[in-house]
PDB file of N, CA and C in Angstrom:
ATOM      1  N   UNK A   1     -34.270  21.333   7.287  1.00  0.00           N
ATOM      2  CA  UNK A   1     -34.670  20.924   8.607  1.00  0.00           C
ATOM      3  C   UNK A   1     -33.719  19.838   9.088  1.00  0.00           C
ATOM      4  N   UNK A   2     -33.325  19.906  10.345  1.00  0.00           N
ATOM      5  CA  UNK A   2     -32.424  18.941  10.910  1.00  0.00           C
ATOM      6  C   UNK A   2     -33.171  17.700  11.424  1.00  0.00           C
ATOM      7  N   UNK A   3     -32.525  16.568  11.283  1.00  0.00           N
ATOM      8  CA  UNK A   3     -33.099  15.305  11.740  1.00  0.00           C
ATOM      9  C   UNK A   3     -32.034  14.502  12.470  1.00  0.00           C
ATOM     10  N   UNK A   4     -32.453  13.734  13.486  1.00  0.00           N
ATOM     11  CA  UNK A   4     -31.539  12.831  14.174  1.00  0.00           C
ATOM     12  C   UNK A   4     -31.583  11.528  13.423  1.00  0.00           C
ATOM     13  N   UNK A   5     -30.411  11.111  12.904  1.00  0.00           N
ATOM     14  CA  UNK A   5     -30.315   9.879  12.095  1.00  0.00           C
ATOM     15  C   UNK A   5     -29.086   9.127  12.435  1.00  0.00           C
ATOM     16  N   UNK A   6     -29.032   7.892  11.957  1.00  0.00           N
ATOM     17  CA  UNK A   6     -27.806   7.107  12.029  1.00  0.00           C
ATOM     18  C   UNK A   6     -26.940   7.436  10.815  1.00  0.00           C
ATOM     19  N   UNK A   7     -25.679   7.590  11.029  1.00  0.00           N
ATOM     20  CA  UNK A   7     -24.748   7.892   9.941  1.00  0.00           C
ATOM     21  C   UNK A   7     -24.729   6.714   8.953  1.00  0.00           C
ATOM     22  N   UNK A   8     -24.912   6.955   7.663  1.00  0.00           N
ATOM     23  CA  UNK A   8     -24.946   5.878   6.685  1.00  0.00           C
ATOM     24  C   UNK A   8     -23.555   5.227   6.537  1.00  0.00           C
ATOM     25  N   UNK A   9     -22.498   5.868   6.993  1.00  0.00           N
ATOM     26  CA  UNK A   9     -21.183   5.327   6.856  1.00  0.00           C
ATOM     27  C   UNK A   9     -20.771   4.459   8.088  1.00  0.00           C
ATOM     28  N   UNK A  10     -20.943   5.000   9.271  1.00  0.00           N
ATOM     29  CA  UNK A  10     -20.491   4.322  10.479  1.00  0.00           C
ATOM     30  C   UNK A  10     -21.601   3.859  11.406  1.00  0.00           C
ATOM     31  N   UNK A  11     -22.808   4.394  11.237  1.00  0.00           N
ATOM     32  CA  UNK A  11     -23.930   3.983  12.058  1.00  0.00           C
ATOM     33  C   UNK A  11     -24.147   4.792  13.331  1.00  0.00           C
ATOM     34  N   UNK A  12     -23.276   5.741  13.648  1.00  0.00           N
ATOM     35  CA  UNK A  12     -23.430   6.513  14.860  1.00  0.00           C
ATOM     36  C   UNK A  12     -24.548   7.566  14.642  1.00  0.00           C
ATOM     37  N   UNK A  13     -25.134   8.028  15.761  1.00  0.00           N
ATOM     38  CA  UNK A  13     -26.173   9.061  15.672  1.00  0.00           C
ATOM     39  C   UNK A  13     -25.580  10.389  15.358  1.00  0.00           C
ATOM     40  N   UNK A  14     -26.284  11.165  14.550  1.00  0.00           N
ATOM     41  CA  UNK A  14     -25.861  12.516  14.266  1.00  0.00           C
ATOM     42  C   UNK A  14     -27.074  13.331  13.823  1.00  0.00           C
ATOM     43  N   UNK A  15     -26.907  14.621  13.819  1.00  0.00           N
ATOM     44  CA  UNK A  15     -27.988  15.501  13.360  1.00  0.00           C
ATOM     45  C   UNK A  15     -27.702  15.870  11.909  1.00  0.00           C
ATOM     46  N   UNK A  16     -28.564  15.399  11.043  1.00  0.00           N
ATOM     47  CA  UNK A  16     -28.414  15.665   9.617  1.00  0.00           C
ATOM     48  C   UNK A  16     -29.009  17.002   9.282  1.00  0.00           C
ATOM     49  N   UNK A  17     -28.306  17.751   8.425  1.00  0.00           N
ATOM     50  CA  UNK A  17     -28.860  19.009   7.900  1.00  0.00           C
ATOM     51  C   UNK A  17     -28.711  18.979   6.367  1.00  0.00           C
ATOM     52  N   UNK A  18     -29.096  20.056   5.764  1.00  0.00           N
ATOM     53  CA  UNK A  18     -29.098  20.092   4.283  1.00  0.00           C
ATOM     54  C   UNK A  18     -27.657  20.062   3.685  1.00  0.00           C
ATOM     55  N   UNK A  19     -26.643  20.299   4.505  1.00  0.00           N
ATOM     56  CA  UNK A  19     -25.278  20.357   3.984  1.00  0.00           C
ATOM     57  C   UNK A  19     -24.466  19.099   4.267  1.00  0.00           C
ATOM     58  N   UNK A  20     -24.760  18.433   5.390  1.00  0.00           N
ATOM     59  CA  UNK A  20     -23.962  17.274   5.814  1.00  0.00           C
ATOM     60  C   UNK A  20     -24.908  16.060   5.962  1.00  0.00           C
ATOM     61  N   UNK A  21     -24.512  14.977   5.285  1.00  0.00           N
ATOM     62  CA  UNK A  21     -25.323  13.770   5.312  1.00  0.00           C
ATOM     63  C   UNK A  21     -24.697  12.626   6.094  1.00  0.00           C
ATOM     64  N   UNK A  22     -23.555  12.891   6.752  1.00  0.00           N
ATOM     65  CA  UNK A  22     -22.880  11.903   7.585  1.00  0.00           C
ATOM     66  C   UNK A  22     -22.506  12.557   8.920  1.00  0.00           C
ATOM     67  N   UNK A  23     -22.104  11.735   9.853  1.00  0.00           N
ATOM     68  CA  UNK A  23     -21.682  12.305  11.159  1.00  0.00           C
ATOM     69  C   UNK A  23     -20.431  13.127  11.035  1.00  0.00           C
ATOM     70  N   UNK A  24     -20.119  13.855  12.090  1.00  0.00           N
ATOM     71  CA  UNK A  24     -18.964  14.781  12.014  1.00  0.00           C
ATOM     72  C   UNK A  24     -17.674  14.060  11.789  1.00  0.00           C
ATOM     73  N   UNK A  25     -17.448  12.890  12.443  1.00  0.00           N
ATOM     74  CA  UNK A  25     -16.220  12.140  12.235  1.00  0.00           C
ATOM     75  C   UNK A  25     -16.076  11.702  10.792  1.00  0.00           C
ATOM     76  N   UNK A  26     -17.155  11.143  10.227  1.00  0.00           N
ATOM     77  CA  UNK A  26     -17.125  10.703   8.819  1.00  0.00           C
ATOM     78  C   UNK A  26     -16.984  11.826   7.873  1.00  0.00           C
ATOM     79  N   UNK A  27     -17.573  12.979   8.225  1.00  0.00           N
ATOM     80  CA  UNK A  27     -17.439  14.177   7.400  1.00  0.00           C
ATOM     81  C   UNK A  27     -15.974  14.650   7.352  1.00  0.00           C
ATOM     82  N   UNK A  28     -15.352  14.641   8.525  1.00  0.00           N
ATOM     83  CA  UNK A  28     -13.923  15.024   8.570  1.00  0.00           C
ATOM     84  C   UNK A  28     -13.085  14.036   7.714  1.00  0.00           C
ATOM     85  N   UNK A  29     -13.422  12.745   7.756  1.00  0.00           N
ATOM     86  CA  UNK A  29     -12.706  11.768   6.959  1.00  0.00           C
ATOM     87  C   UNK A  29     -12.925  12.007   5.477  1.00  0.00           C
ATOM     88  N   UNK A  30     -14.181  12.346   5.110  1.00  0.00           N
ATOM     89  CA  UNK A  30     -14.475  12.685   3.732  1.00  0.00           C
ATOM     90  C   UNK A  30     -13.651  13.880   3.249  1.00  0.00           C
ATOM     91  N   UNK A  31     -13.577  14.893   4.049  1.00  0.00           N
ATOM     92  CA  UNK A  31     -12.798  16.100   3.735  1.00  0.00           C
ATOM     93  C   UNK A  31     -11.326  15.727   3.568  1.00  0.00           C
ATOM     94  N   UNK A  32     -10.826  14.869   4.418  1.00  0.00           N
ATOM     95  CA  UNK A  32      -9.418  14.397   4.287  1.00  0.00           C
ATOM     96  C   UNK A  32      -9.218  13.680   2.981  1.00  0.00           C
ATOM     97  N   UNK A  33     -10.168  12.832   2.598  1.00  0.00           N
ATOM     98  CA  UNK A  33     -10.089  12.098   1.309  1.00  0.00           C
ATOM     99  C   UNK A  33     -10.115  13.091   0.160  1.00  0.00           C
ATOM    100  N   UNK A  34     -10.997  14.077   0.235  1.00  0.00           N
ATOM    101  CA  UNK A  34     -11.117  15.095  -0.809  1.00  0.00           C
ATOM    102  C   UNK A  34      -9.796  15.857  -0.974  1.00  0.00           C
ATOM    103  N   UNK A  35      -9.236  16.249   0.150  1.00  0.00           N
ATOM    104  CA  UNK A  35      -7.988  17.009   0.112  1.00  0.00           C
ATOM    105  C   UNK A  35      -6.846  16.135  -0.450  1.00  0.00           C
ATOM    106  N   UNK A  36      -6.876  14.803  -0.134  1.00  0.00           N
ATOM    107  CA  UNK A  36      -5.911  13.899  -0.670  1.00  0.00           C
ATOM    108  C   UNK A  36      -5.998  13.804  -2.207  1.00  0.00           C
ATOM    109  N   UNK A  37      -7.217  13.747  -2.731  1.00  0.00           N
ATOM    110  CA  UNK A  37      -7.400  13.726  -4.150  1.00  0.00           C
ATOM    111  C   UNK A  37      -6.944  15.063  -4.770  1.00  0.00           C
ATOM    112  N   UNK A  38      -7.340  16.143  -4.133  1.00  0.00           N
ATOM    113  CA  UNK A  38      -6.959  17.497  -4.628  1.00  0.00           C
ATOM    114  C   UNK A  38      -5.463  17.630  -4.709  1.00  0.00           C
ATOM    115  N   UNK A  39      -4.796  17.220  -3.693  1.00  0.00           N
ATOM    116  CA  UNK A  39      -3.303  17.256  -3.646  1.00  0.00           C
ATOM    117  C   UNK A  39      -2.724  16.417  -4.800  1.00  0.00           C
ATOM    118  N   UNK A  40      -3.315  15.223  -4.957  1.00  0.00           N
ATOM    119  CA  UNK A  40      -2.810  14.299  -5.971  1.00  0.00           C
ATOM    120  C   UNK A  40      -2.979  14.847  -7.396  1.00  0.00           C
ATOM    121  N   UNK A  41      -4.128  15.399  -7.670  1.00  0.00           N
ATOM    122  CA  UNK A  41      -4.348  15.869  -9.040  1.00  0.00           C
ATOM    123  C   UNK A  41      -3.809  17.268  -9.332  1.00  0.00           C
ATOM    124  N   UNK A  42      -3.184  17.847  -8.336  1.00  0.00           N
ATOM    125  CA  UNK A  42      -2.480  19.138  -8.644  1.00  0.00           C
ATOM    126  C   UNK A  42      -1.320  18.855  -9.600  1.00  0.00           C
ATOM    127  N   UNK A  43      -0.759  17.639  -9.492  1.00  0.00           N
ATOM    128  CA  UNK A  43       0.277  17.239 -10.470  1.00  0.00           C
ATOM    129  C   UNK A  43      -0.387  16.945 -11.776  1.00  0.00           C
ATOM    130  N   UNK A  44      -0.071  17.717 -12.812  1.00  0.00           N
ATOM    131  CA  UNK A  44      -0.773  17.560 -14.117  1.00  0.00           C
ATOM    132  C   UNK A  44      -0.698  16.193 -14.669  1.00  0.00           C
ATOM    133  N   UNK A  45       0.407  15.496 -14.483  1.00  0.00           N
ATOM    134  CA  UNK A  45       0.551  14.141 -14.980  1.00  0.00           C
ATOM    135  C   UNK A  45      -0.498  13.178 -14.344  1.00  0.00           C
ATOM    136  N   UNK A  46      -0.793  13.413 -13.080  1.00  0.00           N
ATOM    137  CA  UNK A  46      -1.770  12.570 -12.366  1.00  0.00           C
ATOM    138  C   UNK A  46      -3.203  12.767 -12.947  1.00  0.00           C
ATOM    139  N   UNK A  47      -3.454  13.874 -13.572  1.00  0.00           N
ATOM    140  CA  UNK A  47      -4.788  14.152 -14.109  1.00  0.00           C
ATOM    141  C   UNK A  47      -5.073  13.235 -15.290  1.00  0.00           C
ATOM    142  N   UNK A  48      -4.060  12.621 -15.864  1.00  0.00           N
ATOM    143  CA  UNK A  48      -4.256  11.749 -17.007  1.00  0.00           C
ATOM    144  C   UNK A  48      -4.531  10.320 -16.613  1.00  0.00           C
ATOM    145  N   UNK A  49      -4.533  10.028 -15.345  1.00  0.00           N
ATOM    146  CA  UNK A  49      -4.785   8.669 -14.846  1.00  0.00           C
ATOM    147  C   UNK A  49      -6.257   8.320 -14.885  1.00  0.00           C
ATOM    148  N   UNK A  50      -6.558   7.047 -14.824  1.00  0.00           N
ATOM    149  CA  UNK A  50      -7.960   6.596 -14.800  1.00  0.00           C
ATOM    150  C   UNK A  50      -8.506   6.681 -13.344  1.00  0.00           C
ATOM    151  N   UNK A  51      -9.765   6.511 -13.219  1.00  0.00           N
ATOM    152  CA  UNK A  51     -10.420   6.542 -11.879  1.00  0.00           C
ATOM    153  C   UNK A  51      -9.791   5.482 -10.972  1.00  0.00           C
ATOM    154  N   UNK A  52      -9.578   4.280 -11.505  1.00  0.00           N
ATOM    155  CA  UNK A  52      -9.019   3.195 -10.684  1.00  0.00           C
ATOM    156  C   UNK A  52      -7.617   3.584 -10.201  1.00  0.00           C
ATOM    157  N   UNK A  53      -6.823   4.127 -11.075  1.00  0.00           N
ATOM    158  CA  UNK A  53      -5.450   4.528 -10.715  1.00  0.00           C
ATOM    159  C   UNK A  53      -5.439   5.672  -9.671  1.00  0.00           C
ATOM    160  N   UNK A  54      -6.330   6.633  -9.828  1.00  0.00           N
ATOM    161  CA  UNK A  54      -6.401   7.717  -8.862  1.00  0.00           C
ATOM    162  C   UNK A  54      -6.834   7.235  -7.517  1.00  0.00           C
ATOM    163  N   UNK A  55      -7.886   6.420  -7.470  1.00  0.00           N
ATOM    164  CA  UNK A  55      -8.390   5.915  -6.156  1.00  0.00           C
ATOM    165  C   UNK A  55      -7.425   4.964  -5.494  1.00  0.00           C
ATOM    166  N   UNK A  56      -6.696   4.204  -6.300  1.00  0.00           N
ATOM    167  CA  UNK A  56      -5.706   3.313  -5.742  1.00  0.00           C
ATOM    168  C   UNK A  56      -4.549   4.073  -5.160  1.00  0.00           C
ATOM    169  N   UNK A  57      -4.105   5.098  -5.862  1.00  0.00           N
ATOM    170  CA  UNK A  57      -2.956   5.883  -5.389  1.00  0.00           C
ATOM    171  C   UNK A  57      -3.287   6.712  -4.161  1.00  0.00           C
ATOM    172  N   UNK A  58      -4.550   7.170  -4.041  1.00  0.00           N
ATOM    173  CA  UNK A  58      -4.925   8.042  -2.945  1.00  0.00           C
ATOM    174  C   UNK A  58      -5.573   7.300  -1.773  1.00  0.00           C
ATOM    175  N   UNK A  59      -6.059   6.083  -2.047  1.00  0.00           N
ATOM    176  CA  UNK A  59      -6.769   5.334  -1.011  1.00  0.00           C
ATOM    177  C   UNK A  59      -8.204   5.760  -0.829  1.00  0.00           C
ATOM    178  N   UNK A  60      -8.712   6.560  -1.759  1.00  0.00           N
ATOM    179  CA  UNK A  60     -10.095   7.030  -1.640  1.00  0.00           C
ATOM    180  C   UNK A  60     -11.025   6.010  -2.317  1.00  0.00           C
ATOM    181  N   UNK A  61     -12.053   5.535  -1.604  1.00  0.00           N
ATOM    182  CA  UNK A  61     -13.005   4.597  -2.177  1.00  0.00           C
ATOM    183  C   UNK A  61     -13.721   5.172  -3.424  1.00  0.00           C
ATOM    184  N   UNK A  62     -13.951   4.340  -4.414  1.00  0.00           N
ATOM    185  CA  UNK A  62     -14.603   4.796  -5.625  1.00  0.00           C
ATOM    186  C   UNK A  62     -15.968   5.403  -5.343  1.00  0.00           C
ATOM    187  N   UNK A  63     -16.810   4.807  -4.510  1.00  0.00           N
ATOM    188  CA  UNK A  63     -18.113   5.462  -4.240  1.00  0.00           C
ATOM    189  C   UNK A  63     -17.980   6.844  -3.650  1.00  0.00           C
ATOM    190  N   UNK A  64     -16.940   7.082  -2.849  1.00  0.00           N
ATOM    191  CA  UNK A  64     -16.747   8.407  -2.285  1.00  0.00           C
ATOM    192  C   UNK A  64     -16.281   9.368  -3.386  1.00  0.00           C
ATOM    193  N   UNK A  65     -15.488   8.908  -4.288  1.00  0.00           N
ATOM    194  CA  UNK A  65     -15.056   9.694  -5.455  1.00  0.00           C
ATOM    195  C   UNK A  65     -16.290  10.127  -6.219  1.00  0.00           C
ATOM    196  N   UNK A  66     -17.218   9.188  -6.482  1.00  0.00           N
ATOM    197  CA  UNK A  66     -18.443   9.525  -7.192  1.00  0.00           C
ATOM    198  C   UNK A  66     -19.264  10.543  -6.427  1.00  0.00           C
ATOM    199  N   UNK A  67     -19.293  10.436  -5.103  1.00  0.00           N
ATOM    200  CA  UNK A  67     -20.043  11.399  -4.262  1.00  0.00           C
ATOM    201  C   UNK A  67     -19.478  12.802  -4.440  1.00  0.00           C
ATOM    202  N   UNK A  68     -18.140  12.872  -4.485  1.00  0.00           N
ATOM    203  CA  UNK A  68     -17.537  14.198  -4.724  1.00  0.00           C
ATOM    204  C   UNK A  68     -17.912  14.765  -6.094  1.00  0.00           C
ATOM    205  N   UNK A  69     -18.017  13.908  -7.082  1.00  0.00           N
ATOM    206  CA  UNK A  69     -18.441  14.390  -8.430  1.00  0.00           C
ATOM    207  C   UNK A  69     -19.891  14.854  -8.393  1.00  0.00           C
ATOM    208  N   UNK A  70     -20.779  14.057  -7.738  1.00  0.00           N
ATOM    209  CA  UNK A  70     -22.201  14.421  -7.643  1.00  0.00           C
ATOM    210  C   UNK A  70     -22.383  15.753  -6.928  1.00  0.00           C
ATOM    211  N   UNK A  71     -21.582  15.964  -5.877  1.00  0.00           N
ATOM    212  CA  UNK A  71     -21.716  17.222  -5.123  1.00  0.00           C
ATOM    213  C   UNK A  71     -21.078  18.396  -5.841  1.00  0.00           C
ATOM    214  N   UNK A  72     -20.354  18.133  -6.939  1.00  0.00           N
ATOM    215  CA  UNK A  72     -19.698  19.206  -7.647  1.00  0.00           C
ATOM    216  C   UNK A  72     -18.332  19.562  -7.109  1.00  0.00           C
ATOM    217  N   UNK A  73     -17.815  18.779  -6.177  1.00  0.00           N
ATOM    218  CA  UNK A  73     -16.520  19.037  -5.583  1.00  0.00           C
ATOM    219  C   UNK A  73     -15.400  18.740  -6.543  1.00  0.00           C
ATOM    220  N   UNK A  74     -15.630  17.754  -7.440  1.00  0.00           N
ATOM    221  CA  UNK A  74     -14.630  17.422  -8.459  1.00  0.00           C
ATOM    222  C   UNK A  74     -15.204  17.636  -9.833  1.00  0.00           C
ATOM    223  N   UNK A  75     -14.439  18.222 -10.695  1.00  0.00           N
ATOM    224  CA  UNK A  75     -14.848  18.522 -12.074  1.00  0.00           C
ATOM    225  C   UNK A  75     -14.152  17.521 -12.992  1.00  0.00           C
ATOM    226  N   UNK A  76     -14.909  16.699 -13.682  1.00  0.00           N
ATOM    227  CA  UNK A  76     -14.297  15.738 -14.589  1.00  0.00           C
ATOM    228  C   UNK A  76     -13.628  16.396 -15.804  1.00  0.00           C
ATOM    229  N   UNK A  77     -13.912  17.655 -16.056  1.00  0.00           N
ATOM    230  CA  UNK A  77     -13.280  18.312 -17.171  1.00  0.00           C
ATOM    231  C   UNK A  77     -11.766  18.402 -16.988  1.00  0.00           C
ATOM    232  N   UNK A  78     -11.273  18.294 -15.790  1.00  0.00           N
ATOM    233  CA  UNK A  78      -9.816  18.289 -15.556  1.00  0.00           C
ATOM    234  C   UNK A  78      -9.248  16.884 -15.553  1.00  0.00           C
ATOM    235  N   UNK A  79     -10.083  15.904 -15.642  1.00  0.00           N
ATOM    236  CA  UNK A  79      -9.631  14.510 -15.591  1.00  0.00           C
ATOM    237  C   UNK A  79     -10.089  13.774 -16.854  1.00  0.00           C
ATOM    238  N   UNK A  80      -9.417  13.894 -17.947  1.00  0.00           N
ATOM    239  CA  UNK A  80      -9.910  13.373 -19.249  1.00  0.00           C
ATOM    240  C   UNK A  80     -10.097  11.870 -19.329  1.00  0.00           C
ATOM    241  N   UNK A  81      -9.499  11.110 -18.458  1.00  0.00           N
ATOM    242  CA  UNK A  81      -9.603   9.658 -18.505  1.00  0.00           C
ATOM    243  C   UNK A  81     -10.480   9.066 -17.385  1.00  0.00           C
ATOM    244  N   UNK A  82     -11.216   9.964 -16.741  1.00  0.00           N
ATOM    245  CA  UNK A  82     -12.114   9.522 -15.671  1.00  0.00           C
ATOM    246  C   UNK A  82     -13.550   9.679 -16.138  1.00  0.00           C
ATOM    247  N   UNK A  83     -14.333   8.644 -15.894  1.00  0.00           N
ATOM    248  CA  UNK A  83     -15.756   8.683 -16.276  1.00  0.00           C
ATOM    249  C   UNK A  83     -16.592   8.495 -15.033  1.00  0.00           C
ATOM    250  N   UNK A  84     -17.795   9.014 -15.090  1.00  0.00           N
ATOM    251  CA  UNK A  84     -18.762   8.922 -14.016  1.00  0.00           C
ATOM    252  C   UNK A  84     -19.870   7.984 -14.446  1.00  0.00           C
ATOM    253  N   UNK A  85     -20.465   7.304 -13.507  1.00  0.00           N
ATOM    254  CA  UNK A  85     -21.565   6.412 -13.833  1.00  0.00           C
ATOM    255  C   UNK A  85     -22.877   7.168 -13.892  1.00  0.00           C
ATOM    256  N   UNK A  86     -23.607   6.989 -14.980  1.00  0.00           N
ATOM    257  CA  UNK A  86     -24.929   7.572 -15.090  1.00  0.00           C
ATOM    258  C   UNK A  86     -25.782   7.038 -13.906  1.00  0.00           C
ATOM    259  N   UNK A  87     -26.512   7.916 -13.262  1.00  0.00           N
ATOM    260  CA  UNK A  87     -27.309   7.513 -12.101  1.00  0.00           C
ATOM    261  C   UNK A  87     -28.548   6.695 -12.472  1.00  0.00           C
ATOM    262  N   UNK A  88     -28.837   6.617 -13.792  1.00  0.00           N
ATOM    263  CA  UNK A  88     -29.997   5.865 -14.218  1.00  0.00           C
ATOM    264  C   UNK A  88     -29.585   4.486 -14.735  1.00  0.00           C
ATOM    265  N   UNK A  89     -28.696   4.478 -15.735  1.00  0.00           N
ATOM    266  CA  UNK A  89     -28.349   3.193 -16.420  1.00  0.00           C
ATOM    267  C   UNK A  89     -26.955   2.711 -16.042  1.00  0.00           C
ATOM    268  N   UNK A  90     -26.187   3.475 -15.346  1.00  0.00           N
ATOM    269  CA  UNK A  90     -24.831   3.131 -14.892  1.00  0.00           C
ATOM    270  C   UNK A  90     -23.809   3.026 -16.054  1.00  0.00           C
ATOM    271  N   UNK A  91     -24.156   3.596 -17.196  1.00  0.00           N
ATOM    272  CA  UNK A  91     -23.208   3.678 -18.308  1.00  0.00           C
ATOM    273  C   UNK A  91     -22.198   4.769 -17.961  1.00  0.00           C
ATOM    274  N   UNK A  92     -21.041   4.699 -18.554  1.00  0.00           N
ATOM    275  CA  UNK A  92     -20.032   5.753 -18.281  1.00  0.00           C
ATOM    276  C   UNK A  92     -20.424   7.034 -19.053  1.00  0.00           C
ATOM    277  N   UNK A  93     -20.226   8.112 -18.316  1.00  0.00           N
ATOM    278  CA  UNK A  93     -20.523   9.421 -18.917  1.00  0.00           C
ATOM    279  C   UNK A  93     -19.505  10.427 -18.384  1.00  0.00           C
ATOM    280  N   UNK A  94     -19.361  11.538 -19.042  1.00  0.00           N
ATOM    281  CA  UNK A  94     -18.443  12.568 -18.563  1.00  0.00           C
ATOM    282  C   UNK A  94     -19.192  13.859 -18.245  1.00  0.00           C
ATOM    283  N   UNK A  95     -20.468  13.924 -18.548  1.00  0.00           N
ATOM    284  CA  UNK A  95     -21.225  15.174 -18.333  1.00  0.00           C
ATOM    285  C   UNK A  95     -22.435  14.941 -17.439  1.00  0.00           C
ATOM    286  N   UNK A  96     -22.545  15.737 -16.442  1.00  0.00           N
ATOM    287  CA  UNK A  96     -23.729  15.713 -15.601  1.00  0.00           C
ATOM    288  C   UNK A  96     -23.895  14.413 -14.808  1.00  0.00           C
ATOM    289  N   UNK A  97     -25.109  14.232 -14.274  1.00  0.00           N
ATOM    290  CA  UNK A  97     -25.402  13.088 -13.446  1.00  0.00           C
ATOM    291  C   UNK A  97     -25.992  11.938 -14.240  1.00  0.00           C
ATOM    292  N   UNK A  98     -26.503  12.239 -15.459  1.00  0.00           N
ATOM    293  CA  UNK A  98     -27.046  11.217 -16.277  1.00  0.00           C
ATOM    294  C   UNK A  98     -26.419  11.303 -17.674  1.00  0.00           C
ATOM    295  N   UNK A  99     -26.396  10.182 -18.408  1.00  0.00           N
ATOM    296  CA  UNK A  99     -25.813  10.132 -19.719  1.00  0.00           C
ATOM    297  C   UNK A  99     -26.714  10.800 -20.757  1.00  0.00           C
ATOM    298  N   UNK A 100     -26.158  11.078 -21.938  1.00  0.00           N
ATOM    299  CA  UNK A 100     -26.986  11.735 -22.961  1.00  0.00           C
ATOM    300  C   UNK A 100     -28.177  10.848 -23.395  1.00  0.00           C
ATOM    301  N   UNK A 101     -28.009   9.547 -23.420  1.00  0.00           N
ATOM    302  CA  UNK A 101     -29.104   8.659 -23.811  1.00  0.00           C
ATOM    303  C   UNK A 101     -30.229   8.745 -22.852  1.00  0.00           C
ATOM    304  N   UNK A 102     -29.953   8.717 -21.547  1.00  0.00           N
ATOM    305  CA  UNK A 102     -31.047   8.802 -20.541  1.00  0.00           C
ATOM    306  C   UNK A 102     -31.651  10.196 -20.542  1.00  0.00           C
ATOM    307  N   UNK A 103     -30.831  11.212 -20.761  1.00  0.00           N
ATOM    308  CA  UNK A 103     -31.321  12.572 -20.799  1.00  0.00           C
ATOM    309  C   UNK A 103     -32.315  12.708 -21.956  1.00  0.00           C
ATOM    310  N   UNK A 104     -31.937  12.127 -23.101  1.00  0.00           N
ATOM    311  CA  UNK A 104     -32.845  12.167 -24.280  1.00  0.00           C
ATOM    312  C   UNK A 104     -34.129  11.423 -23.966  1.00  0.00           C
ATOM    313  N   UNK A 105     -34.057  10.260 -23.368  1.00  0.00           N
ATOM    314  CA  UNK A 105     -35.265   9.481 -22.990  1.00  0.00           C
ATOM    315  C   UNK A 105     -36.161  10.308 -22.038  1.00  0.00           C
ATOM    316  N   UNK A 106     -35.555  10.979 -21.068  1.00  0.00           N
ATOM    317  CA  UNK A 106     -36.351  11.805 -20.164  1.00  0.00           C
ATOM    318  C   UNK A 106     -37.066  12.945 -20.873  1.00  0.00           C
ATOM    319  N   UNK A 107     -36.339  13.557 -21.801  1.00  0.00           N
ATOM    320  CA  UNK A 107     -36.934  14.661 -22.579  1.00  0.00           C
ATOM    321  C   UNK A 107     -38.130  14.148 -23.397  1.00  0.00           C
ATOM    322  N   UNK A 108     -37.927  13.023 -24.048  1.00  0.00           N
ATOM    323  CA  UNK A 108     -39.002  12.443 -24.886  1.00  0.00           C
ATOM    324  C   UNK A 108     -40.218  12.093 -24.012  1.00  0.00           C
ATOM    325  N   UNK A 109     -39.986  11.478 -22.856  1.00  0.00           N
ATOM    326  CA  UNK A 109     -41.053  11.106 -21.966  1.00  0.00           C
ATOM    327  C   UNK A 109     -41.807  12.369 -21.446  1.00  0.00           C
ATOM    328  N   UNK A 110     -41.034  13.422 -21.160  1.00  0.00           N
ATOM    329  CA  UNK A 110     -41.634  14.668 -20.686  1.00  0.00           C
ATOM    330  C   UNK A 110     -42.449  15.294 -21.799  1.00  0.00           C
ATOM    331  N   UNK A 111     -41.979  15.281 -23.023  1.00  0.00           N
ATOM    332  CA  UNK A 111     -42.760  15.844 -24.135  1.00  0.00           C
ATOM    333  C   UNK A 111     -44.044  15.062 -24.327  1.00  0.00           C
ATOM    334  N   UNK A 112     -44.002  13.764 -24.251  1.00  0.00           N
ATOM    335  CA  UNK A 112     -45.222  12.938 -24.359  1.00  0.00           C
ATOM    336  C   UNK A 112     -46.197  13.251 -23.244  1.00  0.00           C
ATOM    337  N   UNK A 113     -45.690  13.369 -22.020  1.00  0.00           N
ATOM    338  CA  UNK A 113     -46.535  13.717 -20.884  1.00  0.00           C
ATOM    339  C   UNK A 113     -47.175  15.090 -21.064  1.00  0.00           C
ATOM    340  N   UNK A 114     -46.394  16.060 -21.481  1.00  0.00           N
ATOM    341  CA  UNK A 114     -46.933  17.412 -21.693  1.00  0.00           C
ATOM    342  C   UNK A 114     -47.990  17.433 -22.793  1.00  0.00           C
ATOM    343  N   UNK A 115     -47.770  16.681 -23.854  1.00  0.00           N
ATOM    344  CA  UNK A 115     -48.778  16.573 -24.920  1.00  0.00           C
ATOM    345  C   UNK A 115     -50.080  15.945 -24.407  1.00  0.00           C
ATOM    346  N   UNK A 116     -49.946  14.909 -23.602  1.00  0.00           N
ATOM    347  CA  UNK A 116     -51.124  14.259 -23.033  1.00  0.00           C
ATOM    348  C   UNK A 116     -51.894  15.204 -22.114  1.00  0.00           C
ATOM    349  N   UNK A 117     -51.133  15.978 -21.311  1.00  0.00           N
ATOM    350  CA  UNK A 117     -51.802  16.934 -20.420  1.00  0.00           C
ATOM    351  C   UNK A 117     -52.500  18.015 -21.216  1.00  0.00           C
ATOM    352  N   UNK A 118     -51.914  18.473 -22.288  1.00  0.00           N
ATOM    353  CA  UNK A 118     -52.517  19.468 -23.137  1.00  0.00           C
ATOM    354  C   UNK A 118     -53.803  18.925 -23.754  1.00  0.00           C
ATOM    355  N   UNK A 119     -53.757  17.676 -24.252  1.00  0.00           N
ATOM    356  CA  UNK A 119     -54.969  17.092 -24.845  1.00  0.00           C
ATOM    357  C   UNK A 119     -56.061  16.913 -23.799  1.00  0.00           C
ATOM    358  N   UNK A 120     -55.731  16.591 -22.570  1.00  0.00           N
ATOM    359  CA  UNK A 120     -56.739  16.426 -21.515  1.00  0.00           C
ATOM    360  C   UNK A 120     -57.453  17.760 -21.203  1.00  0.00           C
ATOM    361  N   UNK A 121     -56.725  18.861 -21.316  1.00  0.00           N
ATOM    362  CA  UNK A 121     -57.277  20.137 -21.001  1.00  0.00           C
ATOM    363  C   UNK A 121     -58.232  20.589 -22.093  1.00  0.00           C
ATOM    364  N   UNK A 122     -58.038  20.096 -23.280  1.00  0.00           N
ATOM    365  CA  UNK A 122     -58.904  20.564 -24.422  1.00  0.00           C
ATOM    366  C   UNK A 122     -60.234  19.918 -24.432  1.00  0.00           C
TER     367      UNK A 122
END
């Protein structure tokens, strides 16, 4: 469903849909940043750089880089020295949106909850 909102980046009004969460101008800027990163990491040597080195060389803000990872636009498997922040504890991780420790904690909590629900039904 579309909504009229202020762009979280620049504050202008735009119609948000399920695909775009910023105004058209900011979206075009995001695409330009994404293309800049893509062009930069086409060089295999650049793939060995750290997140800070990549964002400094391309001018792409780190939060926007993380947004590209969250959306699946960038795959960290091609960037061995780049880590992503876990969305729960902010520890560095290379897989998914949450680290293995938080994933384990969620699984344990879910198992406990399911056991409690089973006991309530009995």
